[in-house]
Amino acid sequence: MAMPIAKALCATITSAALLATSPTAGIAEQQSSAGIAIELSAADEVGGACLMSFLATNSYPEDIKHAVYEVVLFNTSGGVERLTLLDFQDLPSARPRVRQFRFDEISCENIPRVLINGVDTCVAGDNVSCLNGITLSTRVRTELIG
């Protein structure tokens, strides 16, 4: 009785291994893990303005020719300080890009939270989304949410 169970288990493991190494399995896995990662890397005071540096990485197999995000800056009271568009320009596949944005007449200390509110422009292939699958992180005190 133990032999048929062992054969069935072996056949299942072999089928799973073949499926995992098949070209279509790799494509499905690649598409499910593809997306845009945006990290708020730095927020520095520069001449009465807040200069924010973002690291953006496109893990899609194809380039994004142009990405513009609608962003909301919140003040320390929790209210909306500013609604603006950030032009991340081109985001080549698998190549990180740093983009800097200057927010005049506001201190970085007065921006505790930044919201990626949506996508204004996304010029890319059919299998690329500039918003779905987005991963956000921060290295500074300012929270980055989406």
Protein backbone atom coordinates (compact mmCIF):
# COMPACT_ATOMS: atom_id res chain seq x y z
CA MET A 1 0.00 0.00 0.00
CA ALA A 2 2.88 2.39 0.69
CA MET A 3 4.20 2.11 -2.89
CA PRO A 4 1.18 3.67 -4.66
CA ILE A 5 1.19 6.62 -2.24
CA ALA A 6 4.92 7.14 -2.75
CA LYS A 7 4.50 6.95 -6.54
CA ALA A 8 1.62 9.40 -6.44
CA LEU A 9 3.63 11.76 -4.24
CA CYS A 10 6.65 11.44 -6.53
CA ALA A 11 4.48 12.12 -9.59
CA THR A 12 2.98 15.19 -7.90
CA ILE A 13 6.40 16.54 -6.97
CA THR A 14 7.72 15.89 -10.48
CA SER A 15 4.71 17.63 -12.06
CA ALA A 16 5.14 20.59 -9.74
CA ALA A 17 8.84 20.80 -10.56
CA LEU A 18 8.13 20.69 -14.30
CA LEU A 19 5.47 23.35 -13.94
CA ALA A 20 7.80 25.61 -11.95
CA THR A 21 10.51 25.33 -14.60
CA SER A 22 8.22 25.75 -17.59
CA PRO A 23 8.51 29.06 -19.51
CA THR A 24 4.89 30.04 -18.83
CA ALA A 25 5.30 29.56 -15.08
CA GLY A 26 8.25 31.96 -15.10
CA ILE A 27 6.30 34.58 -17.05
CA ALA A 28 3.34 34.37 -14.67
CA GLU A 29 5.66 34.70 -11.67
CA GLN A 30 7.49 37.63 -13.27
CA GLN A 31 4.23 39.47 -14.03
CA SER A 32 2.86 38.93 -10.52
CA SER A 33 6.02 40.34 -8.90
CA ALA A 34 6.42 43.20 -11.39
CA GLY A 35 5.62 46.73 -10.37
CA ILE A 36 7.00 50.09 -9.39
CA ALA A 37 8.86 50.64 -6.13
CA ILE A 38 9.11 54.22 -4.86
CA GLU A 39 11.20 55.07 -1.84
CA LEU A 40 11.34 58.48 -0.19
CA SER A 41 15.10 58.49 0.34
CA ALA A 42 15.80 61.99 1.67
CA ALA A 43 14.08 65.18 2.73
CA ASP A 44 16.42 68.16 3.12
CA GLU A 45 15.95 71.86 3.85
CA VAL A 46 17.34 73.93 0.97
CA GLY A 47 16.92 77.69 1.00
CA GLY A 48 13.49 77.83 2.65
CA ALA A 49 12.20 74.85 0.68
CA CYS A 50 11.93 71.12 1.20
CA LEU A 51 13.90 69.06 -1.31
CA MET A 52 12.67 65.45 -1.44
CA SER A 53 14.63 62.70 -3.16
CA PHE A 54 12.80 59.62 -4.40
CA LEU A 55 14.33 56.36 -5.60
CA ALA A 56 12.08 54.75 -8.22
CA THR A 57 12.59 51.23 -9.58
CA ASN A 58 10.60 49.69 -12.43
CA SER A 59 10.59 45.89 -12.14
CA TYR A 60 8.42 45.38 -15.22
CA PRO A 61 10.19 43.68 -18.14
CA GLU A 62 9.63 46.78 -20.28
CA ASP A 63 10.47 50.46 -19.87
CA ILE A 64 8.05 53.13 -18.74
CA LYS A 65 8.50 56.06 -21.08
CA HIS A 66 6.83 58.66 -18.85
CA ALA A 67 5.28 58.53 -15.37
CA VAL A 68 3.64 61.44 -13.56
CA TYR A 69 2.12 60.89 -10.12
CA GLU A 70 -0.46 63.03 -8.34
CA VAL A 71 0.86 63.62 -4.82
CA VAL A 72 -0.64 65.14 -1.69
CA LEU A 73 1.53 66.73 1.01
CA PHE A 74 -0.08 66.75 4.45
CA ASN A 75 0.79 69.30 7.14
CA THR A 76 1.40 68.62 10.84
CA SER A 77 -2.31 69.24 11.59
CA GLY A 78 -3.26 66.41 9.23
CA GLY A 79 -4.70 68.73 6.62
CA VAL A 80 -3.80 68.97 2.97
CA GLU A 81 -0.89 71.36 2.54
CA ARG A 82 -0.43 70.91 -1.19
CA LEU A 83 -1.71 68.84 -4.12
CA THR A 84 0.83 68.58 -6.93
CA LEU A 85 2.11 66.49 -9.82
CA LEU A 86 5.54 64.86 -9.68
CA ASP A 87 7.09 64.05 -13.04
CA PHE A 88 9.24 60.93 -12.61
CA GLN A 89 10.07 61.08 -16.35
CA ASP A 90 11.23 57.76 -17.82
CA LEU A 91 11.67 54.65 -15.66
CA PRO A 92 13.77 52.05 -17.50
CA SER A 93 13.22 48.40 -16.67
CA ALA A 94 15.39 47.09 -13.81
CA ARG A 95 17.36 50.34 -13.52
CA PRO A 96 16.79 52.53 -10.45
CA ARG A 97 16.33 56.25 -10.94
CA VAL A 98 16.58 59.08 -8.40
CA ARG A 99 14.22 62.01 -8.87
CA GLN A 100 14.27 65.18 -6.77
CA PHE A 101 11.40 67.59 -6.18
CA ARG A 102 11.54 70.97 -4.48
CA PHE A 103 8.57 72.24 -2.49
CA ASP A 104 8.99 75.99 -2.00
CA GLU A 105 7.97 77.87 1.14
CA ILE A 106 7.51 74.76 3.27
CA SER A 107 9.81 73.05 5.73
CA CYS A 108 10.34 69.29 5.54
CA GLU A 109 9.47 69.13 9.25
CA ASN A 110 6.01 70.40 8.35
CA ILE A 111 5.37 67.52 5.92
CA PRO A 112 4.86 64.41 8.08
CA ARG A 113 3.00 62.46 5.38
CA VAL A 114 3.04 62.21 1.59
CA LEU A 115 0.29 60.41 -0.31
CA ILE A 116 0.70 58.99 -3.82
CA ASN A 117 -2.89 59.84 -4.74
CA GLY A 118 -2.97 58.52 -8.29
CA VAL A 119 -1.36 58.47 -11.70
CA ASP A 120 -1.73 61.48 -13.96
CA THR A 121 0.35 60.10 -16.85
CA CYS A 122 1.66 56.62 -17.62
CA VAL A 123 3.17 55.99 -21.04
CA ALA A 124 4.16 52.33 -21.21
CA GLY A 125 3.28 48.99 -22.75
CA ASP A 126 -0.05 47.21 -22.32
CA ASN A 127 1.22 44.95 -19.50
CA VAL A 128 2.54 47.82 -17.37
CA SER A 129 0.67 49.72 -14.67
CA CYS A 130 2.19 52.74 -12.98
CA LEU A 131 -0.09 52.33 -9.95
CA ASN A 132 -1.19 48.70 -9.51
CA GLY A 133 1.43 46.74 -7.60
CA ILE A 134 3.17 49.88 -6.40
CA THR A 135 5.42 49.43 -3.37
CA LEU A 136 6.13 52.44 -1.17
CA SER A 137 8.78 52.90 1.51
CA THR A 138 10.63 55.67 3.30
CA ARG A 139 14.06 56.23 4.87
CA VAL A 140 13.08 59.50 6.55
CA ARG A 141 10.59 60.60 9.20
CA THR A 142 8.05 61.54 6.55
CA GLU A 143 5.57 58.72 5.92
CA LEU A 144 4.94 57.71 2.28
CA ILE A 145 1.52 56.17 1.68
CA GLY A 146 -0.56 55.23 -1.34
